[in-house]
N, C-alpha and C. Protein backbone atom coordinates (compact mmCIF):
# COMPACT_ATOMS: atom_id res chain seq x y z
N UNK A 1 -8.74 11.22 19.43
CA UNK A 1 -7.71 10.68 18.84
C UNK A 1 -7.92 10.67 17.22
N UNK A 2 -7.09 11.12 16.43
CA UNK A 2 -7.02 11.28 15.13
C UNK A 2 -6.67 10.00 14.49
N UNK A 3 -7.46 9.48 13.50
CA UNK A 3 -7.17 8.26 12.88
C UNK A 3 -6.32 8.83 11.54
N UNK A 4 -5.15 8.17 11.35
CA UNK A 4 -4.18 8.54 10.23
C UNK A 4 -4.71 7.88 9.06
N UNK A 5 -4.88 8.41 8.00
CA UNK A 5 -4.95 7.90 6.65
C UNK A 5 -4.14 8.38 5.68
N UNK A 6 -3.88 7.71 4.44
CA UNK A 6 -2.92 8.42 3.54
C UNK A 6 -3.41 9.79 3.14
N UNK A 7 -4.60 10.19 3.38
CA UNK A 7 -5.17 11.30 2.89
C UNK A 7 -4.93 12.38 3.86
N UNK A 8 -4.63 12.27 5.03
CA UNK A 8 -4.56 13.30 6.02
C UNK A 8 -3.12 13.23 6.74
N UNK A 9 -2.21 12.44 6.19
CA UNK A 9 -0.87 12.49 6.75
C UNK A 9 0.19 12.72 5.73
N UNK A 10 0.57 13.89 5.62
CA UNK A 10 1.46 14.36 4.54
C UNK A 10 2.85 13.71 4.50
N UNK A 11 3.15 13.03 5.72
CA UNK A 11 4.46 12.30 5.79
C UNK A 11 4.43 10.83 5.81
N UNK A 12 3.18 10.41 5.38
CA UNK A 12 3.08 8.90 5.35
C UNK A 12 4.05 8.17 4.46
N UNK A 13 4.37 8.70 3.28
CA UNK A 13 5.25 8.06 2.48
C UNK A 13 6.72 8.04 3.01
N UNK A 14 7.13 9.24 3.59
CA UNK A 14 8.44 9.23 4.13
C UNK A 14 8.50 8.23 5.40
N UNK A 15 7.40 8.32 6.17
CA UNK A 15 7.45 7.27 7.38
C UNK A 15 7.44 5.85 6.83
N UNK A 16 6.74 5.57 5.76
CA UNK A 16 6.74 4.24 5.20
C UNK A 16 8.18 3.84 4.67
N UNK A 17 8.81 4.77 3.98
CA UNK A 17 10.17 4.48 3.43
C UNK A 17 11.17 4.33 4.48
N UNK A 18 10.96 4.99 5.71
CA UNK A 18 11.81 4.76 6.86
C UNK A 18 11.47 3.43 7.67
N UNK A 19 10.48 2.61 7.13
CA UNK A 19 10.27 1.31 7.81
C UNK A 19 9.23 1.41 8.92
N UNK A 20 8.38 2.50 8.85
CA UNK A 20 7.34 2.64 9.80
C UNK A 20 6.12 1.60 9.50
N UNK A 21 6.02 0.51 10.26
CA UNK A 21 5.00 -0.46 9.87
C UNK A 21 3.58 0.08 10.12
N UNK A 22 3.25 0.95 10.95
CA UNK A 22 1.94 1.57 11.03
C UNK A 22 1.62 2.42 9.85
N UNK A 23 2.57 3.16 9.26
CA UNK A 23 2.38 3.82 8.10
C UNK A 23 2.11 2.88 6.81
N UNK A 24 2.86 1.72 6.75
CA UNK A 24 2.53 0.64 5.72
C UNK A 24 1.06 0.13 5.97
N UNK A 25 0.67 -0.19 7.16
CA UNK A 25 -0.58 -0.68 7.47
C UNK A 25 -1.69 0.32 6.99
N UNK A 26 -1.43 1.49 7.35
CA UNK A 26 -2.46 2.64 7.07
C UNK A 26 -2.54 2.63 5.39
N UNK A 27 -1.56 2.67 4.72
CA UNK A 27 -1.49 2.64 3.29
C UNK A 27 -2.28 1.31 2.85
N UNK A 28 -1.82 0.22 3.30
CA UNK A 28 -2.37 -1.16 2.99
C UNK A 28 -3.86 -1.10 3.19
N UNK A 29 -4.33 -0.75 4.33
CA UNK A 29 -5.77 -0.79 4.66
C UNK A 29 -6.60 0.16 3.76
N UNK A 30 -6.00 1.31 3.36
CA UNK A 30 -6.68 2.27 2.61
C UNK A 30 -6.80 1.78 1.08
N UNK A 31 -5.73 0.95 0.67
CA UNK A 31 -5.77 0.73 -0.77
C UNK A 31 -6.05 -0.75 -1.15
N UNK A 32 -6.23 -1.50 -0.15
CA UNK A 32 -6.33 -3.04 -0.44
C UNK A 32 -7.52 -3.30 -1.13
N UNK A 33 -8.80 -2.76 -0.80
CA UNK A 33 -10.00 -3.08 -1.62
C UNK A 33 -10.06 -2.43 -2.92
N UNK A 34 -9.63 -1.20 -3.07
CA UNK A 34 -9.73 -0.56 -4.46
C UNK A 34 -8.70 -1.38 -5.42
N UNK A 35 -7.61 -1.76 -4.91
CA UNK A 35 -6.60 -2.42 -5.78
C UNK A 35 -7.16 -3.76 -6.12
N UNK A 36 -7.74 -4.59 -5.14
CA UNK A 36 -8.21 -5.82 -5.34
C UNK A 36 -9.45 -5.73 -6.50
N UNK A 37 -10.22 -4.86 -6.33
CA UNK A 37 -11.33 -4.51 -7.26
C UNK A 37 -10.75 -4.31 -8.60
N UNK A 38 -9.75 -3.49 -8.80
CA UNK A 38 -9.12 -3.20 -10.04
C UNK A 38 -8.34 -4.40 -10.64
N UNK A 39 -7.67 -5.08 -9.85
CA UNK A 39 -7.09 -6.39 -10.18
C UNK A 39 -8.05 -7.44 -10.71
N UNK A 40 -9.22 -7.45 -10.01
CA UNK A 40 -10.27 -8.39 -10.35
C UNK A 40 -10.87 -8.12 -11.64
N UNK A 41 -11.14 -6.88 -11.91
CA UNK A 41 -11.65 -6.42 -13.11
C UNK A 41 -10.80 -6.77 -14.39
N UNK A 42 -9.46 -6.85 -14.18
CA UNK A 42 -8.53 -7.16 -15.23
C UNK A 42 -8.43 -8.60 -15.26
N UNK A 43 -8.30 -9.32 -14.23
CA UNK A 43 -8.04 -10.76 -14.12
C UNK A 43 -9.19 -11.66 -14.17
N UNK A 44 -10.32 -11.14 -13.64
CA UNK A 44 -11.55 -11.94 -13.65
C UNK A 44 -11.67 -13.04 -12.74
N UNK A 45 -10.68 -13.19 -11.74
CA UNK A 45 -10.64 -14.30 -10.71
C UNK A 45 -10.36 -13.55 -9.34
N UNK A 46 -11.26 -13.71 -8.36
CA UNK A 46 -11.01 -13.05 -7.14
C UNK A 46 -9.75 -13.39 -6.44
N UNK A 47 -9.49 -14.84 -6.34
CA UNK A 47 -8.34 -15.36 -5.62
C UNK A 47 -6.98 -14.71 -6.44
N UNK A 48 -7.06 -14.82 -7.69
CA UNK A 48 -5.75 -14.38 -8.28
C UNK A 48 -5.58 -12.80 -8.16
N UNK A 49 -6.61 -12.09 -8.16
CA UNK A 49 -6.53 -10.74 -8.01
C UNK A 49 -5.94 -10.42 -6.56
N UNK A 50 -6.48 -10.99 -5.54
CA UNK A 50 -5.93 -10.82 -4.10
C UNK A 50 -4.49 -11.31 -4.16
N UNK A 51 -4.07 -12.34 -4.82
CA UNK A 51 -2.67 -12.81 -4.70
C UNK A 51 -1.71 -11.68 -5.39
N UNK A 52 -2.20 -11.11 -6.55
CA UNK A 52 -1.44 -10.02 -7.09
C UNK A 52 -1.19 -8.92 -6.25
N UNK A 53 -2.30 -8.51 -5.69
CA UNK A 53 -2.39 -7.30 -4.78
C UNK A 53 -1.42 -7.57 -3.63
N UNK A 54 -1.51 -8.74 -3.00
CA UNK A 54 -0.78 -9.01 -1.86
C UNK A 54 0.83 -9.15 -2.24
N UNK A 55 1.00 -9.71 -3.36
CA UNK A 55 2.43 -9.84 -3.81
C UNK A 55 2.94 -8.36 -4.09
N UNK A 56 2.11 -7.59 -4.57
CA UNK A 56 2.54 -6.10 -4.96
C UNK A 56 2.83 -5.43 -3.48
N UNK A 57 2.23 -5.65 -2.56
CA UNK A 57 2.30 -4.97 -1.33
C UNK A 57 3.66 -5.54 -0.61
N UNK A 58 3.85 -6.92 -0.85
CA UNK A 58 5.01 -7.49 -0.19
C UNK A 58 6.29 -6.87 -0.85
N UNK A 59 6.24 -6.73 -2.22
CA UNK A 59 7.28 -6.07 -2.97
C UNK A 59 7.50 -4.66 -2.57
N UNK A 60 6.48 -3.93 -2.36
CA UNK A 60 6.32 -2.59 -1.93
C UNK A 60 7.16 -2.52 -0.63
N UNK A 61 6.85 -3.28 0.34
CA UNK A 61 7.49 -3.27 1.70
C UNK A 61 9.03 -3.60 1.58
N UNK A 62 9.36 -4.55 0.71
CA UNK A 62 10.79 -4.99 0.55
C UNK A 62 11.60 -3.83 -0.14
N UNK A 63 10.99 -3.10 -0.92
CA UNK A 63 11.72 -1.96 -1.57
C UNK A 63 11.27 -0.55 -1.07
N UNK A 64 10.88 -0.56 0.10
CA UNK A 64 10.41 0.70 0.85
C UNK A 64 11.63 1.76 0.94
N UNK A 65 12.84 1.27 1.02
CA UNK A 65 13.94 2.27 1.18
C UNK A 65 14.18 2.87 -0.09
N UNK A 66 13.63 2.44 -1.22
CA UNK A 66 13.99 3.15 -2.52
C UNK A 66 13.18 4.38 -2.80
N UNK A 67 12.15 4.55 -1.92
CA UNK A 67 11.28 5.71 -2.03
C UNK A 67 12.03 6.92 -1.44
N UNK A 68 12.01 7.99 -2.15
CA UNK A 68 12.70 9.29 -1.78
C UNK A 68 11.60 10.36 -1.76
N UNK A 69 11.02 10.64 -0.68
CA UNK A 69 9.99 11.61 -0.48
C UNK A 69 8.88 11.38 -1.48
N UNK A 70 8.44 10.15 -1.58
CA UNK A 70 7.20 9.95 -2.32
C UNK A 70 7.61 9.56 -3.89
N UNK A 71 8.80 9.55 -4.14
CA UNK A 71 9.25 9.23 -5.55
C UNK A 71 10.11 7.92 -5.59
N UNK A 72 9.86 7.12 -6.54
CA UNK A 72 10.65 5.89 -6.70
C UNK A 72 11.86 6.20 -7.42
């Protein structure tokens, strides 16, 4: 069984934009830690960084239909 990641699935953005929850989870799981680290470096507080990243992913899911073949 092949494990899909954003790096080996060329259609993941398309699938995500069509409401595929597994595609969203794949992107989320791959990007959560790097984005939290990046936000922490800017904000200096772990909880605030996690909140910002989680809010960003929530907005991303809400606006998924606005993606057109990987472009917003």
